[in-house]
N, C-alpha and C. Protein backbone atom coordinates (compact mmCIF):
# COMPACT_ATOMS: atom_id res chain seq x y z
N MET A 1 218.98 309.22 35.39
CA MET A 1 220.21 308.82 34.75
C MET A 1 220.92 307.76 35.60
N TYR A 2 220.94 307.98 36.90
CA TYR A 2 221.61 307.04 37.80
C TYR A 2 220.95 305.67 37.74
N ARG A 3 219.64 305.62 37.90
CA ARG A 3 218.92 304.34 37.93
C ARG A 3 219.07 303.57 36.62
N LEU A 4 219.12 304.27 35.52
CA LEU A 4 219.22 303.61 34.22
C LEU A 4 220.59 302.98 33.98
N HIS A 5 221.64 303.58 34.51
CA HIS A 5 222.98 303.17 34.11
C HIS A 5 223.86 302.62 35.23
N VAL A 6 223.42 302.68 36.48
CA VAL A 6 224.28 302.28 37.58
C VAL A 6 224.71 300.82 37.48
N ASN A 7 223.82 299.92 37.11
CA ASN A 7 224.18 298.50 37.04
C ASN A 7 225.20 298.22 35.95
N ASP A 8 225.03 298.85 34.79
CA ASP A 8 226.00 298.66 33.69
C ASP A 8 227.37 299.22 34.07
N ILE A 9 227.38 300.39 34.68
CA ILE A 9 228.66 300.99 35.09
C ILE A 9 229.34 300.10 36.13
N TYR A 10 228.56 299.60 37.09
CA TYR A 10 229.14 298.73 38.11
C TYR A 10 229.73 297.46 37.49
N ARG A 11 228.97 296.80 36.60
CA ARG A 11 229.47 295.57 35.97
C ARG A 11 230.75 295.83 35.20
N TYR A 12 230.80 296.94 34.48
CA TYR A 12 232.00 297.31 33.72
C TYR A 12 233.19 297.49 34.66
N LEU A 13 232.99 298.24 35.73
CA LEU A 13 234.09 298.49 36.67
C LEU A 13 234.47 297.23 37.44
N PHE A 14 233.49 296.36 37.70
CA PHE A 14 233.81 295.10 38.37
C PHE A 14 234.69 294.23 37.48
N ARG A 15 234.39 294.18 36.20
CA ARG A 15 235.20 293.39 35.27
C ARG A 15 236.63 293.93 35.20
N LEU A 16 236.78 295.24 35.36
CA LEU A 16 238.11 295.83 35.31
C LEU A 16 238.89 295.61 36.60
N THR A 17 238.23 295.76 37.74
CA THR A 17 238.93 295.69 39.02
C THR A 17 238.94 294.30 39.63
N ARG A 18 237.91 293.48 39.32
CA ARG A 18 237.73 292.14 39.90
C ARG A 18 237.59 292.23 41.42
N ASP A 19 237.07 293.34 41.91
CA ASP A 19 236.88 293.57 43.33
C ASP A 19 235.55 294.28 43.52
N ALA A 20 234.61 293.63 44.19
CA ALA A 20 233.26 294.18 44.35
C ALA A 20 233.27 295.52 45.08
N ARG A 21 234.03 295.60 46.16
CA ARG A 21 234.07 296.86 46.92
C ARG A 21 234.67 297.99 46.10
N GLN A 22 235.75 297.69 45.42
CA GLN A 22 236.38 298.74 44.62
C GLN A 22 235.47 299.17 43.47
N ALA A 23 234.77 298.23 42.87
CA ALA A 23 233.83 298.57 41.81
C ALA A 23 232.71 299.47 42.34
N GLU A 24 232.26 299.19 43.56
CA GLU A 24 231.24 300.05 44.17
C GLU A 24 231.77 301.46 44.39
N ASP A 25 232.99 301.54 44.92
CA ASP A 25 233.60 302.86 45.14
C ASP A 25 233.78 303.63 43.84
N LEU A 26 234.26 302.94 42.82
CA LEU A 26 234.48 303.59 41.53
C LEU A 26 233.16 303.98 40.87
N THR A 27 232.12 303.17 41.08
CA THR A 27 230.79 303.53 40.54
C THR A 27 230.31 304.81 41.20
N GLN A 28 230.47 304.88 42.51
CA GLN A 28 230.08 306.09 43.23
C GLN A 28 230.90 307.28 42.74
N ASP A 29 232.19 307.09 42.58
CA ASP A 29 233.06 308.16 42.09
C ASP A 29 232.66 308.59 40.69
N THR A 30 232.27 307.63 39.86
CA THR A 30 231.85 307.94 38.49
C THR A 30 230.66 308.88 38.50
N PHE A 31 229.65 308.55 39.28
CA PHE A 31 228.45 309.39 39.29
C PHE A 31 228.71 310.73 39.99
N PHE A 32 229.61 310.74 40.95
CA PHE A 32 229.98 312.00 41.57
C PHE A 32 230.68 312.90 40.55
N ARG A 33 231.62 312.31 39.81
CA ARG A 33 232.31 313.09 38.76
C ARG A 33 231.35 313.56 37.68
N ALA A 34 230.43 312.67 37.30
CA ALA A 34 229.45 313.04 36.27
C ALA A 34 228.59 314.21 36.75
N PHE A 35 228.12 314.13 37.98
CA PHE A 35 227.29 315.20 38.52
C PHE A 35 228.09 316.50 38.61
N SER A 36 229.35 316.39 39.05
CA SER A 36 230.20 317.57 39.19
C SER A 36 230.52 318.23 37.85
N SER A 37 230.52 317.44 36.78
CA SER A 37 230.89 317.99 35.48
C SER A 37 229.71 318.09 34.53
N LEU A 38 228.51 318.20 35.06
CA LEU A 38 227.33 318.34 34.20
C LEU A 38 227.42 319.60 33.34
N ASP A 39 228.13 320.61 33.80
CA ASP A 39 228.30 321.83 33.00
C ASP A 39 229.09 321.56 31.73
N ASP A 40 229.97 320.55 31.77
CA ASP A 40 230.79 320.20 30.60
C ASP A 40 230.06 319.29 29.63
N PHE A 41 228.94 318.72 30.05
CA PHE A 41 228.16 317.81 29.21
C PHE A 41 227.58 318.60 28.04
N ARG A 42 227.86 318.15 26.81
CA ARG A 42 227.48 318.90 25.62
C ARG A 42 226.30 318.28 24.89
N GLY A 43 225.48 317.53 25.57
CA GLY A 43 224.30 316.97 24.94
C GLY A 43 224.53 315.71 24.14
N GLU A 44 225.73 315.14 24.23
CA GLU A 44 225.98 313.87 23.54
C GLU A 44 225.21 312.77 24.25
N LYS A 45 225.31 311.57 23.75
CA LYS A 45 224.61 310.45 24.38
C LYS A 45 225.14 310.26 25.80
N VAL A 46 224.22 310.02 26.72
CA VAL A 46 224.57 309.94 28.14
C VAL A 46 225.38 308.68 28.46
N ARG A 47 224.97 307.53 27.92
CA ARG A 47 225.61 306.26 28.27
C ARG A 47 227.11 306.24 27.92
N PRO A 48 227.49 306.58 26.67
CA PRO A 48 228.93 306.60 26.38
C PRO A 48 229.68 307.63 27.23
N TRP A 49 229.04 308.75 27.51
CA TRP A 49 229.68 309.78 28.33
C TRP A 49 229.94 309.25 29.74
N LEU A 50 228.96 308.54 30.32
CA LEU A 50 229.14 307.97 31.65
C LEU A 50 230.24 306.91 31.67
N PHE A 51 230.30 306.09 30.62
CA PHE A 51 231.35 305.08 30.56
C PHE A 51 232.72 305.73 30.40
N LYS A 52 232.77 306.85 29.72
CA LYS A 52 234.03 307.59 29.60
C LYS A 52 234.46 308.10 30.97
N VAL A 53 233.51 308.63 31.73
CA VAL A 53 233.81 309.08 33.09
C VAL A 53 234.26 307.90 33.95
N ALA A 54 233.58 306.75 33.82
CA ALA A 54 233.95 305.55 34.57
C ALA A 54 235.35 305.07 34.19
N TYR A 55 235.65 305.11 32.91
CA TYR A 55 236.97 304.68 32.44
C TYR A 55 238.06 305.56 33.05
N HIS A 56 237.83 306.86 33.07
CA HIS A 56 238.83 307.78 33.64
C HIS A 56 238.95 307.60 35.15
N ALA A 57 237.85 307.29 35.82
CA ALA A 57 237.90 307.01 37.26
C ALA A 57 238.74 305.74 37.50
N PHE A 58 238.54 304.73 36.65
CA PHE A 58 239.33 303.50 36.77
C PHE A 58 240.81 303.76 36.51
N VAL A 59 241.11 304.53 35.48
CA VAL A 59 242.52 304.82 35.15
C VAL A 59 243.19 305.55 36.31
N ASP A 60 242.51 306.53 36.89
CA ASP A 60 243.08 307.26 38.03
C ASP A 60 243.33 306.32 39.20
N TRP A 61 242.35 305.45 39.49
CA TRP A 61 242.51 304.48 40.58
C TRP A 61 243.67 303.53 40.28
N HIS A 62 243.74 303.05 39.04
CA HIS A 62 244.79 302.09 38.66
C HIS A 62 246.17 302.70 38.81
N ARG A 63 246.32 303.96 38.43
CA ARG A 63 247.62 304.63 38.58
C ARG A 63 248.03 304.70 40.04
N LYS A 64 247.07 304.97 40.92
CA LYS A 64 247.37 305.00 42.35
C LYS A 64 247.77 303.62 42.84
N GLN A 65 247.14 302.57 42.30
CA GLN A 65 247.45 301.21 42.72
C GLN A 65 248.85 300.80 42.32
N VAL A 66 249.29 301.24 41.17
CA VAL A 66 250.63 300.90 40.69
C VAL A 66 251.68 301.45 41.63
N LYS A 67 251.41 302.60 42.23
CA LYS A 67 252.36 303.23 43.14
C LYS A 67 252.37 302.58 44.51
N LYS A 68 251.29 301.86 44.87
CA LYS A 68 251.21 301.19 46.17
C LYS A 68 251.96 299.87 46.13
N PRO A 69 252.45 299.41 47.27
CA PRO A 69 253.07 298.08 47.29
C PRO A 69 252.01 297.01 47.02
N LEU A 70 252.46 295.93 46.44
CA LEU A 70 251.56 294.83 46.09
C LEU A 70 251.00 294.18 47.35
N GLN A 71 249.68 294.01 47.38
CA GLN A 71 249.04 293.35 48.50
C GLN A 71 248.38 292.08 48.00
N PHE A 72 248.57 291.01 48.72
CA PHE A 72 247.97 289.74 48.34
C PHE A 72 246.71 289.54 49.17
N THR A 73 245.59 289.88 48.60
CA THR A 73 244.31 289.65 49.25
C THR A 73 243.46 288.84 48.30
N GLU A 74 242.77 287.88 48.83
CA GLU A 74 241.92 287.04 47.99
C GLU A 74 240.65 287.79 47.64
N GLN A 75 240.29 287.78 46.37
CA GLN A 75 239.10 288.48 45.91
C GLN A 75 237.89 287.58 46.06
N MET A 76 236.76 288.21 46.29
CA MET A 76 235.52 287.43 46.39
C MET A 76 235.17 286.87 45.02
N PRO A 77 234.79 285.61 44.95
CA PRO A 77 234.40 285.07 43.65
C PRO A 77 233.08 285.68 43.18
N GLU A 78 232.92 285.73 41.89
CA GLU A 78 231.69 286.26 41.32
C GLU A 78 230.55 285.28 41.58
N ARG A 79 229.38 285.83 41.84
CA ARG A 79 228.23 284.97 42.10
C ARG A 79 227.79 284.24 40.84
N MET A 80 227.35 283.01 41.05
CA MET A 80 226.84 282.23 39.92
C MET A 80 225.43 282.66 39.58
N ASP A 81 225.01 282.32 38.40
CA ASP A 81 223.65 282.61 37.95
C ASP A 81 222.68 281.75 38.74
N THR A 82 221.82 282.39 39.54
CA THR A 82 220.88 281.65 40.37
C THR A 82 219.69 281.15 39.56
N GLN A 83 219.54 281.61 38.32
CA GLN A 83 218.42 281.20 37.48
C GLN A 83 218.67 279.85 36.81
N ALA A 84 219.90 279.37 36.84
CA ALA A 84 220.22 278.11 36.18
C ALA A 84 219.51 276.95 36.88
N ILE A 85 218.91 276.08 36.09
CA ILE A 85 218.14 274.97 36.65
C ILE A 85 219.02 273.73 36.77
N ASP A 86 219.76 273.42 35.74
CA ASP A 86 220.58 272.22 35.70
C ASP A 86 221.93 272.49 36.36
N PRO A 87 222.29 271.79 37.44
CA PRO A 87 223.57 272.03 38.11
C PRO A 87 224.77 271.76 37.20
N ALA A 88 224.67 270.77 36.33
CA ALA A 88 225.78 270.48 35.42
C ALA A 88 225.98 271.64 34.44
N GLU A 89 224.88 272.14 33.92
CA GLU A 89 224.96 273.28 33.00
C GLU A 89 225.51 274.50 33.72
N SER A 90 225.10 274.68 34.95
CA SER A 90 225.58 275.80 35.75
C SER A 90 227.09 275.69 35.98
N LEU A 91 227.57 274.50 36.25
CA LEU A 91 229.00 274.29 36.48
C LEU A 91 229.80 274.57 35.22
N VAL A 92 229.33 274.08 34.09
CA VAL A 92 230.01 274.33 32.81
C VAL A 92 230.03 275.82 32.52
N HIS A 93 228.91 276.50 32.72
CA HIS A 93 228.83 277.94 32.50
C HIS A 93 229.83 278.68 33.37
N LYS A 94 229.92 278.29 34.65
CA LYS A 94 230.84 278.93 35.58
C LYS A 94 232.29 278.71 35.15
N GLU A 95 232.63 277.48 34.77
CA GLU A 95 234.00 277.19 34.35
C GLU A 95 234.36 277.95 33.08
N MET A 96 233.43 278.02 32.13
CA MET A 96 233.69 278.76 30.90
C MET A 96 233.89 280.25 31.19
N TRP A 97 233.06 280.80 32.07
CA TRP A 97 233.18 282.21 32.41
C TRP A 97 234.51 282.48 33.11
N GLU A 98 234.92 281.59 34.02
CA GLU A 98 236.19 281.78 34.71
C GLU A 98 237.36 281.74 33.72
N SER A 99 237.31 280.82 32.76
CA SER A 99 238.36 280.76 31.74
C SER A 99 238.39 282.03 30.91
N ALA A 100 237.23 282.48 30.48
CA ALA A 100 237.16 283.70 29.68
C ALA A 100 237.69 284.88 30.47
N GLN A 101 237.37 284.95 31.75
CA GLN A 101 237.85 286.04 32.60
C GLN A 101 239.37 286.00 32.73
N LEU A 102 239.93 284.81 32.87
CA LEU A 102 241.39 284.67 32.95
C LEU A 102 242.06 285.12 31.65
N PHE A 103 241.44 284.75 30.52
CA PHE A 103 241.99 285.17 29.23
C PHE A 103 241.92 286.67 29.08
N LEU A 104 240.82 287.27 29.51
CA LEU A 104 240.66 288.73 29.45
C LEU A 104 241.75 289.42 30.25
N GLU A 105 242.05 288.88 31.42
CA GLU A 105 243.06 289.47 32.29
C GLU A 105 244.45 289.46 31.64
N ARG A 106 244.70 288.52 30.76
CA ARG A 106 246.01 288.40 30.13
C ARG A 106 246.16 289.29 28.90
N LEU A 107 245.08 289.93 28.47
CA LEU A 107 245.14 290.81 27.31
C LEU A 107 245.70 292.17 27.69
N PRO A 108 246.28 292.88 26.71
CA PRO A 108 246.68 294.27 26.97
C PRO A 108 245.45 295.10 27.35
N VAL A 109 245.67 296.16 28.08
CA VAL A 109 244.58 296.97 28.64
C VAL A 109 243.61 297.45 27.57
N LYS A 110 244.11 297.97 26.46
CA LYS A 110 243.23 298.51 25.44
C LYS A 110 242.34 297.43 24.84
N GLN A 111 242.90 296.27 24.55
CA GLN A 111 242.11 295.17 23.99
C GLN A 111 241.06 294.70 24.98
N LYS A 112 241.42 294.63 26.23
CA LYS A 112 240.49 294.23 27.28
C LYS A 112 239.33 295.23 27.36
N GLN A 113 239.65 296.51 27.35
CA GLN A 113 238.63 297.55 27.42
C GLN A 113 237.67 297.45 26.24
N VAL A 114 238.21 297.31 25.05
CA VAL A 114 237.39 297.26 23.84
C VAL A 114 236.47 296.04 23.86
N ILE A 115 236.98 294.89 24.27
CA ILE A 115 236.16 293.68 24.33
C ILE A 115 235.05 293.83 25.36
N LEU A 116 235.37 294.38 26.52
CA LEU A 116 234.34 294.57 27.55
C LEU A 116 233.24 295.51 27.08
N LEU A 117 233.62 296.62 26.47
CA LEU A 117 232.62 297.58 26.00
C LEU A 117 231.80 296.99 24.84
N SER A 118 232.45 296.23 23.99
CA SER A 118 231.74 295.58 22.90
C SER A 118 230.73 294.58 23.44
N ALA A 119 231.11 293.85 24.47
CA ALA A 119 230.20 292.88 25.08
C ALA A 119 229.01 293.58 25.75
N MET A 120 229.18 294.85 26.07
CA MET A 120 228.08 295.61 26.68
C MET A 120 227.25 296.34 25.62
N GLN A 121 227.39 295.90 24.37
CA GLN A 121 226.57 296.39 23.25
C GLN A 121 226.86 297.83 22.85
N PHE A 122 228.09 298.30 23.05
CA PHE A 122 228.46 299.62 22.56
C PHE A 122 228.81 299.53 21.09
N ALA A 123 228.44 300.54 20.33
CA ALA A 123 228.84 300.64 18.93
C ALA A 123 230.32 301.00 18.88
N TYR A 124 230.97 300.70 17.76
CA TYR A 124 232.39 301.00 17.63
C TYR A 124 232.67 302.48 17.86
N ALA A 125 231.83 303.35 17.33
CA ALA A 125 232.03 304.79 17.49
C ALA A 125 231.92 305.19 18.96
N GLU A 126 231.00 304.56 19.68
CA GLU A 126 230.86 304.86 21.11
C GLU A 126 232.07 304.37 21.89
N ILE A 127 232.60 303.21 21.54
CA ILE A 127 233.80 302.69 22.20
C ILE A 127 234.96 303.65 21.97
N ALA A 128 235.10 304.12 20.74
CA ALA A 128 236.17 305.07 20.42
C ALA A 128 236.03 306.33 21.26
N GLU A 129 234.79 306.79 21.42
CA GLU A 129 234.54 308.00 22.22
C GLU A 129 234.87 307.76 23.69
N VAL A 130 234.45 306.63 24.23
CA VAL A 130 234.69 306.33 25.64
C VAL A 130 236.18 306.25 25.93
N LEU A 131 236.92 305.56 25.08
CA LEU A 131 238.35 305.34 25.32
C LEU A 131 239.24 306.44 24.76
N GLY A 132 238.67 307.33 23.95
CA GLY A 132 239.45 308.41 23.38
C GLY A 132 240.46 307.94 22.34
N ILE A 133 240.05 306.95 21.53
CA ILE A 133 240.93 306.43 20.48
C ILE A 133 240.20 306.48 19.14
N ASP A 134 240.93 306.23 18.07
CA ASP A 134 240.34 306.24 16.72
C ASP A 134 239.45 305.03 16.50
N LEU A 135 238.50 305.18 15.59
CA LEU A 135 237.60 304.09 15.24
C LEU A 135 238.38 302.89 14.70
N ALA A 136 239.38 303.17 13.86
CA ALA A 136 240.20 302.09 13.31
C ALA A 136 240.95 301.35 14.42
N ASP A 137 241.38 302.08 15.44
CA ASP A 137 242.07 301.47 16.57
C ASP A 137 241.13 300.57 17.36
N VAL A 138 239.87 300.96 17.47
CA VAL A 138 238.87 300.12 18.14
C VAL A 138 238.71 298.81 17.39
N LYS A 139 238.52 298.89 16.09
CA LYS A 139 238.33 297.68 15.28
C LYS A 139 239.55 296.77 15.34
N ARG A 140 240.72 297.37 15.25
CA ARG A 140 241.97 296.61 15.29
C ARG A 140 242.14 295.93 16.65
N SER A 141 241.90 296.68 17.73
CA SER A 141 242.06 296.13 19.07
C SER A 141 241.04 295.02 19.35
N LEU A 142 239.83 295.20 18.88
CA LEU A 142 238.80 294.17 19.06
C LEU A 142 239.18 292.90 18.31
N PHE A 143 239.61 293.05 17.07
CA PHE A 143 240.00 291.90 16.27
C PHE A 143 241.17 291.16 16.90
N ARG A 144 242.21 291.90 17.28
CA ARG A 144 243.40 291.28 17.85
C ARG A 144 243.11 290.65 19.22
N GLY A 145 242.29 291.32 20.02
CA GLY A 145 241.94 290.78 21.33
C GLY A 145 241.17 289.49 21.21
N ARG A 146 240.21 289.47 20.30
CA ARG A 146 239.44 288.23 20.09
C ARG A 146 240.33 287.12 19.57
N GLN A 147 241.24 287.46 18.67
CA GLN A 147 242.18 286.47 18.14
C GLN A 147 243.01 285.86 19.27
N LYS A 148 243.54 286.72 20.13
CA LYS A 148 244.38 286.24 21.24
C LYS A 148 243.57 285.36 22.18
N MET A 149 242.32 285.74 22.45
CA MET A 149 241.49 284.92 23.34
C MET A 149 241.21 283.56 22.71
N ARG A 150 240.94 283.53 21.39
CA ARG A 150 240.72 282.24 20.71
C ARG A 150 241.97 281.37 20.80
N ARG A 151 243.13 281.99 20.59
CA ARG A 151 244.40 281.26 20.64
C ARG A 151 244.62 280.68 22.05
N MET A 152 244.36 281.48 23.08
CA MET A 152 244.52 281.00 24.45
C MET A 152 243.54 279.86 24.74
N TRP A 153 242.31 279.99 24.22
CA TRP A 153 241.30 278.95 24.41
C TRP A 153 241.75 277.64 23.78
N ARG A 154 242.26 277.74 22.54
CA ARG A 154 242.74 276.53 21.85
C ARG A 154 243.91 275.89 22.59
N GLU A 155 244.83 276.72 23.09
CA GLU A 155 245.98 276.19 23.82
C GLU A 155 245.53 275.47 25.09
N GLU A 156 244.53 276.01 25.75
CA GLU A 156 244.02 275.36 26.96
C GLU A 156 243.38 274.02 26.62
N VAL A 157 242.61 273.97 25.54
CA VAL A 157 241.98 272.73 25.11
C VAL A 157 243.05 271.70 24.73
N ASP A 158 244.07 272.14 24.00
CA ASP A 158 245.14 271.24 23.61
C ASP A 158 245.90 270.71 24.82
N ASP A 159 246.11 271.57 25.83
CA ASP A 159 246.81 271.13 27.04
C ASP A 159 246.01 270.10 27.82
N GLU A 160 244.69 270.23 27.78
CA GLU A 160 243.83 269.28 28.51
C GLU A 160 243.80 267.92 27.83
N GLN A 161 244.03 267.89 26.53
CA GLN A 161 243.99 266.62 25.80
C GLN A 161 245.33 266.00 25.85
């Protein structure tokens, strides 16, 4: 179970925290919590259940962070795709990803969560299960989040022109 899902859980938590070390800690905490609560596992699909555990680990961590004083530390930038052959294409890809990441950060938490899980190929029902919300709320949040990101993208393009 660990080998199959550790990379997906880490990427999800990294997108939420934007901190490699914290994502590693939360990934470890996720699997520790999952192992500790195996008795509560009711035979549902493992992947959505693990993401639900990861989401709750993130929420607990985030609540603790809100109570701490704000610290200004520079985060490590995300690594570029080393498989890219064309440097120009690589640069464009990096800039587009950075813009998308900035737009994601500006979304409300629920919309951000839904978009991230959707990008990781979760079905709407699985997203609802992971986040503990209604299916209609998932669809609404995904639609509104995508709309806001498109609007922010257009505004950035208009500002550049």
